[in-house]
């Protein structure tokens, strides 16, 4: 169990850092393309590694030993979770503007949109494979680990704050709120696929809507 959790974390770190390392080894005129395409490859391979690990060597804690809901309920809650995530995202954004005086708009999202416009294949990274990596790391490993130590609230706070900080664009409340939704979905269904589905659907909707608005 510990080895699976550690391998998932190491896989995530490699997927995040290896593309930049590869980019530093090539001529400057090829750097951007190498980073983008190696990121796509690393995220795909990293997702496959995590999925296989979860199947062959599942992490065991108070959450994973409980039976999952049916596949139909996983899909239903994944779809509902997309709307919940969008709702809390909008609400958190309004609070950030009114109370914290943080301007709207995510620099992280805008950066990804700019990349997608130049490299359309990168859409699958942000919409599909990034959610897989993030849900395994932040919900399956980190939330699951602290769930047994601090209880559901403490675990949700810790993993959601980490989830927010890793995006590094100042919208701590916004990303933390989304993190809480994904934690809720995982606890509700006892299946990491639920939060992955919700995360995928939300990212896809956000990216496509942003691309349409910018045209």
Protein backbone atom coordinates (compact mmCIF):
# COMPACT_ATOMS: atom_id res chain seq x y z
CA UNK A 1 0.00 0.00 0.00
CA UNK A 2 2.73 2.44 1.00
CA UNK A 3 4.73 1.58 -2.13
CA UNK A 4 1.72 2.25 -4.35
CA UNK A 5 1.09 5.63 -2.73
CA UNK A 6 4.76 6.61 -3.01
CA UNK A 7 4.91 5.44 -6.63
CA UNK A 8 1.86 7.54 -7.48
CA UNK A 9 3.45 10.62 -5.89
CA UNK A 10 6.79 10.01 -7.63
CA UNK A 11 5.01 9.48 -10.95
CA UNK A 12 3.23 12.81 -10.50
CA UNK A 13 6.46 14.65 -9.75
CA UNK A 14 8.18 13.10 -12.77
CA UNK A 15 5.27 13.97 -15.07
CA UNK A 16 5.42 17.58 -13.86
CA UNK A 17 9.19 18.07 -13.99
CA UNK A 18 10.57 15.83 -16.75
CA UNK A 19 9.22 17.93 -19.66
CA UNK A 20 11.03 21.05 -18.40
CA UNK A 21 14.22 19.03 -18.01
CA UNK A 22 13.94 17.70 -21.55
CA UNK A 23 13.24 21.20 -22.81
CA UNK A 24 16.47 22.44 -21.28
CA UNK A 25 18.46 19.87 -23.27
CA UNK A 26 17.35 20.96 -26.75
CA UNK A 27 17.99 24.10 -28.83
CA UNK A 28 15.89 27.12 -27.88
CA UNK A 29 13.90 27.03 -31.14
CA UNK A 30 12.66 23.51 -30.28
CA UNK A 31 12.23 24.01 -26.53
CA UNK A 32 8.53 24.87 -26.48
CA UNK A 33 7.49 22.00 -28.74
CA UNK A 34 9.58 19.50 -26.78
CA UNK A 35 8.06 20.65 -23.47
CA UNK A 36 4.49 20.53 -24.80
CA UNK A 37 4.69 17.13 -26.48
CA UNK A 38 6.71 15.56 -23.67
CA UNK A 39 4.12 16.89 -21.20
CA UNK A 40 1.37 15.19 -23.20
CA UNK A 41 3.36 11.93 -23.24
CA UNK A 42 4.26 12.12 -19.54
CA UNK A 43 0.68 12.81 -18.48
CA UNK A 44 -0.65 9.93 -20.58
CA UNK A 45 1.97 7.49 -19.28
CA UNK A 46 1.60 8.78 -15.73
CA UNK A 47 -2.17 8.26 -15.87
CA UNK A 48 -1.73 4.70 -17.13
CA UNK A 49 0.76 3.93 -14.36
CA UNK A 50 -1.63 5.23 -11.69
CA UNK A 51 -4.62 3.35 -13.12
CA UNK A 52 -2.65 0.09 -13.25
CA UNK A 53 -1.31 0.59 -9.74
CA UNK A 54 -4.81 1.26 -8.45
CA UNK A 55 -6.01 -1.97 -10.05
CA UNK A 56 -3.11 -4.27 -9.19
CA UNK A 57 -1.92 -2.84 -5.86
CA UNK A 58 -4.81 -0.83 -4.39
CA UNK A 59 -4.16 1.54 -1.52
CA UNK A 60 -5.96 0.38 1.62
CA UNK A 61 -7.50 2.78 4.11
CA UNK A 62 -10.88 3.43 5.70
CA UNK A 63 -12.23 4.74 2.41
CA UNK A 64 -10.96 2.10 0.02
CA UNK A 65 -12.09 -0.88 2.13
CA UNK A 66 -15.70 0.32 1.90
CA UNK A 67 -17.75 -0.92 -1.07
CA UNK A 68 -18.15 1.42 -4.00
CA UNK A 69 -21.54 2.47 -5.30
CA UNK A 70 -22.69 1.03 -8.63
CA UNK A 71 -21.18 2.12 -11.95
CA UNK A 72 -24.41 3.90 -12.78
CA UNK A 73 -24.22 5.92 -9.57
CA UNK A 74 -20.55 6.71 -10.24
CA UNK A 75 -21.51 8.16 -13.63
CA UNK A 76 -24.50 10.02 -12.19
CA UNK A 77 -22.53 11.55 -9.34
CA UNK A 78 -19.68 12.38 -11.71
CA UNK A 79 -22.11 14.35 -13.86
CA UNK A 80 -23.72 16.01 -10.82
CA UNK A 81 -20.25 16.73 -9.47
CA UNK A 82 -19.39 18.73 -12.57
CA UNK A 83 -22.24 21.13 -11.84
CA UNK A 84 -21.32 21.26 -8.14
CA UNK A 85 -17.72 22.10 -9.01
CA UNK A 86 -18.77 24.83 -11.42
CA UNK A 87 -21.22 26.25 -8.87
CA UNK A 88 -18.63 26.47 -6.08
CA UNK A 89 -16.12 27.85 -8.57
CA UNK A 90 -18.46 30.70 -9.50
CA UNK A 91 -19.38 31.32 -5.85
CA UNK A 92 -15.75 31.32 -4.70
CA UNK A 93 -14.83 33.64 -7.57
CA UNK A 94 -17.49 36.15 -6.49
CA UNK A 95 -16.28 35.99 -2.85
CA UNK A 96 -12.68 36.49 -3.95
CA UNK A 97 -13.66 39.58 -5.92
CA UNK A 98 -15.97 41.12 -3.28
CA UNK A 99 -14.10 40.27 -0.09
CA UNK A 100 -10.50 39.48 -0.99
CA UNK A 101 -10.30 41.93 -3.94
CA UNK A 102 -8.79 39.26 -6.16
CA UNK A 103 -9.46 39.97 -9.86
CA UNK A 104 -11.45 37.34 -11.78
CA UNK A 105 -9.85 35.00 -14.25
CA UNK A 106 -7.33 32.24 -13.72
CA UNK A 107 -3.81 32.79 -15.04
CA UNK A 108 -3.36 29.03 -14.99
CA UNK A 109 -6.43 28.47 -17.18
CA UNK A 110 -5.50 31.28 -19.57
CA UNK A 111 -2.00 29.84 -19.95
CA UNK A 112 -3.43 26.43 -20.81
CA UNK A 113 -5.85 27.99 -23.33
CA UNK A 114 -2.94 29.77 -25.03
CA UNK A 115 -1.09 26.46 -25.32
CA UNK A 116 -4.18 24.67 -26.68
CA UNK A 117 -4.63 27.36 -29.34
CA UNK A 118 -1.10 26.69 -30.59
CA UNK A 119 -1.03 22.95 -29.85
CA UNK A 120 -4.63 21.60 -30.04
CA UNK A 121 -3.54 18.12 -28.93
CA UNK A 122 -2.74 19.62 -25.52
CA UNK A 123 -6.49 19.79 -24.86
CA UNK A 124 -6.50 16.10 -23.95
CA UNK A 125 -3.85 16.77 -21.32
CA UNK A 126 -5.84 19.42 -19.48
CA UNK A 127 -9.24 17.84 -20.02
CA UNK A 128 -8.50 14.15 -19.48
CA UNK A 129 -5.09 13.24 -18.14
CA UNK A 130 -4.42 16.11 -15.72
CA UNK A 131 -7.64 15.27 -13.80
CA UNK A 132 -6.60 11.62 -13.58
CA UNK A 133 -3.19 12.52 -12.16
CA UNK A 134 -4.57 15.12 -9.76
CA UNK A 135 -7.40 12.98 -8.44
CA UNK A 136 -5.13 10.02 -7.74
CA UNK A 137 -2.57 12.24 -6.00
CA UNK A 138 -4.78 14.65 -4.07
CA UNK A 139 -7.87 12.54 -3.37
CA UNK A 140 -6.71 8.91 -3.52
CA UNK A 141 -3.32 9.33 -1.84
CA UNK A 142 -3.27 12.58 0.18
CA UNK A 143 -6.95 12.78 1.19
CA UNK A 144 -7.06 9.03 1.83
CA UNK A 145 -3.96 9.19 4.00
CA UNK A 146 -5.16 12.07 6.17
CA UNK A 147 -8.71 10.68 6.29
CA UNK A 148 -7.56 8.09 8.82
CA UNK A 149 -5.46 10.61 10.76
CA UNK A 150 -7.63 13.72 10.97
CA UNK A 151 -11.08 12.66 9.83
CA UNK A 152 -12.94 13.78 6.74
CA UNK A 153 -12.91 17.56 7.42
CA UNK A 154 -9.23 17.80 8.28
CA UNK A 155 -8.27 15.62 5.32
CA UNK A 156 -10.41 17.68 2.97
CA UNK A 157 -8.87 20.94 4.19
CA UNK A 158 -5.30 19.67 3.84
CA UNK A 159 -5.63 18.09 0.41
CA UNK A 160 -7.77 20.95 -0.96
CA UNK A 161 -5.27 23.58 0.15
CA UNK A 162 -2.44 21.58 -1.41
CA UNK A 163 -4.53 21.23 -4.55
CA UNK A 164 -4.97 25.02 -4.60
CA UNK A 165 -1.32 25.84 -3.96
CA UNK A 166 -0.10 23.51 -6.71
CA UNK A 167 -1.97 25.61 -9.30
CA UNK A 168 0.00 28.68 -8.22
CA UNK A 169 -2.21 31.49 -9.51
CA UNK A 170 -3.47 33.09 -6.29
CA UNK A 171 -7.03 31.72 -6.35
CA UNK A 172 -6.69 29.70 -3.16
CA UNK A 173 -10.37 29.86 -2.21
CA UNK A 174 -11.55 28.94 -5.71
CA UNK A 175 -9.35 25.86 -6.08
CA UNK A 176 -9.89 24.82 -2.46
CA UNK A 177 -13.66 24.94 -2.98
CA UNK A 178 -13.36 22.70 -6.01
CA UNK A 179 -11.11 20.40 -4.02
CA UNK A 180 -13.81 20.07 -1.36
CA UNK A 181 -16.33 19.05 -4.01
CA UNK A 182 -14.04 16.34 -5.35
CA UNK A 183 -13.42 15.08 -1.80
CA UNK A 184 -17.18 14.96 -1.22
CA UNK A 185 -17.70 12.95 -4.40
CA UNK A 186 -14.98 10.48 -3.42
CA UNK A 187 -16.41 9.99 0.07
CA UNK A 188 -19.98 9.83 -1.22
CA UNK A 189 -19.33 7.07 -3.75
CA UNK A 190 -16.15 5.44 -2.37
CA UNK A 191 -14.83 5.45 -5.94
CA UNK A 192 -12.08 7.70 -7.26
CA UNK A 193 -13.59 7.43 -10.75
CA UNK A 194 -16.42 9.72 -9.62
CA UNK A 195 -14.20 12.70 -8.85
CA UNK A 196 -12.13 11.97 -11.96
CA UNK A 197 -15.24 12.11 -14.15
CA UNK A 198 -16.46 15.34 -12.53
CA UNK A 199 -13.00 16.88 -12.84
CA UNK A 200 -12.71 15.86 -16.50
CA UNK A 201 -16.15 17.21 -17.40
CA UNK A 202 -15.54 20.48 -15.57
CA UNK A 203 -12.13 21.05 -17.19
CA UNK A 204 -13.48 20.20 -20.64
CA UNK A 205 -16.39 22.61 -20.26
CA UNK A 206 -14.16 25.40 -18.93
CA UNK A 207 -11.55 25.03 -21.66
CA UNK A 208 -14.04 24.81 -24.52
CA UNK A 209 -16.11 27.75 -23.23
CA UNK A 210 -12.98 29.88 -22.80
CA UNK A 211 -11.78 29.01 -26.30
CA UNK A 212 -15.19 29.96 -27.75
CA UNK A 213 -15.27 33.26 -25.84
CA UNK A 214 -11.79 34.20 -26.99
CA UNK A 215 -12.63 33.68 -30.68
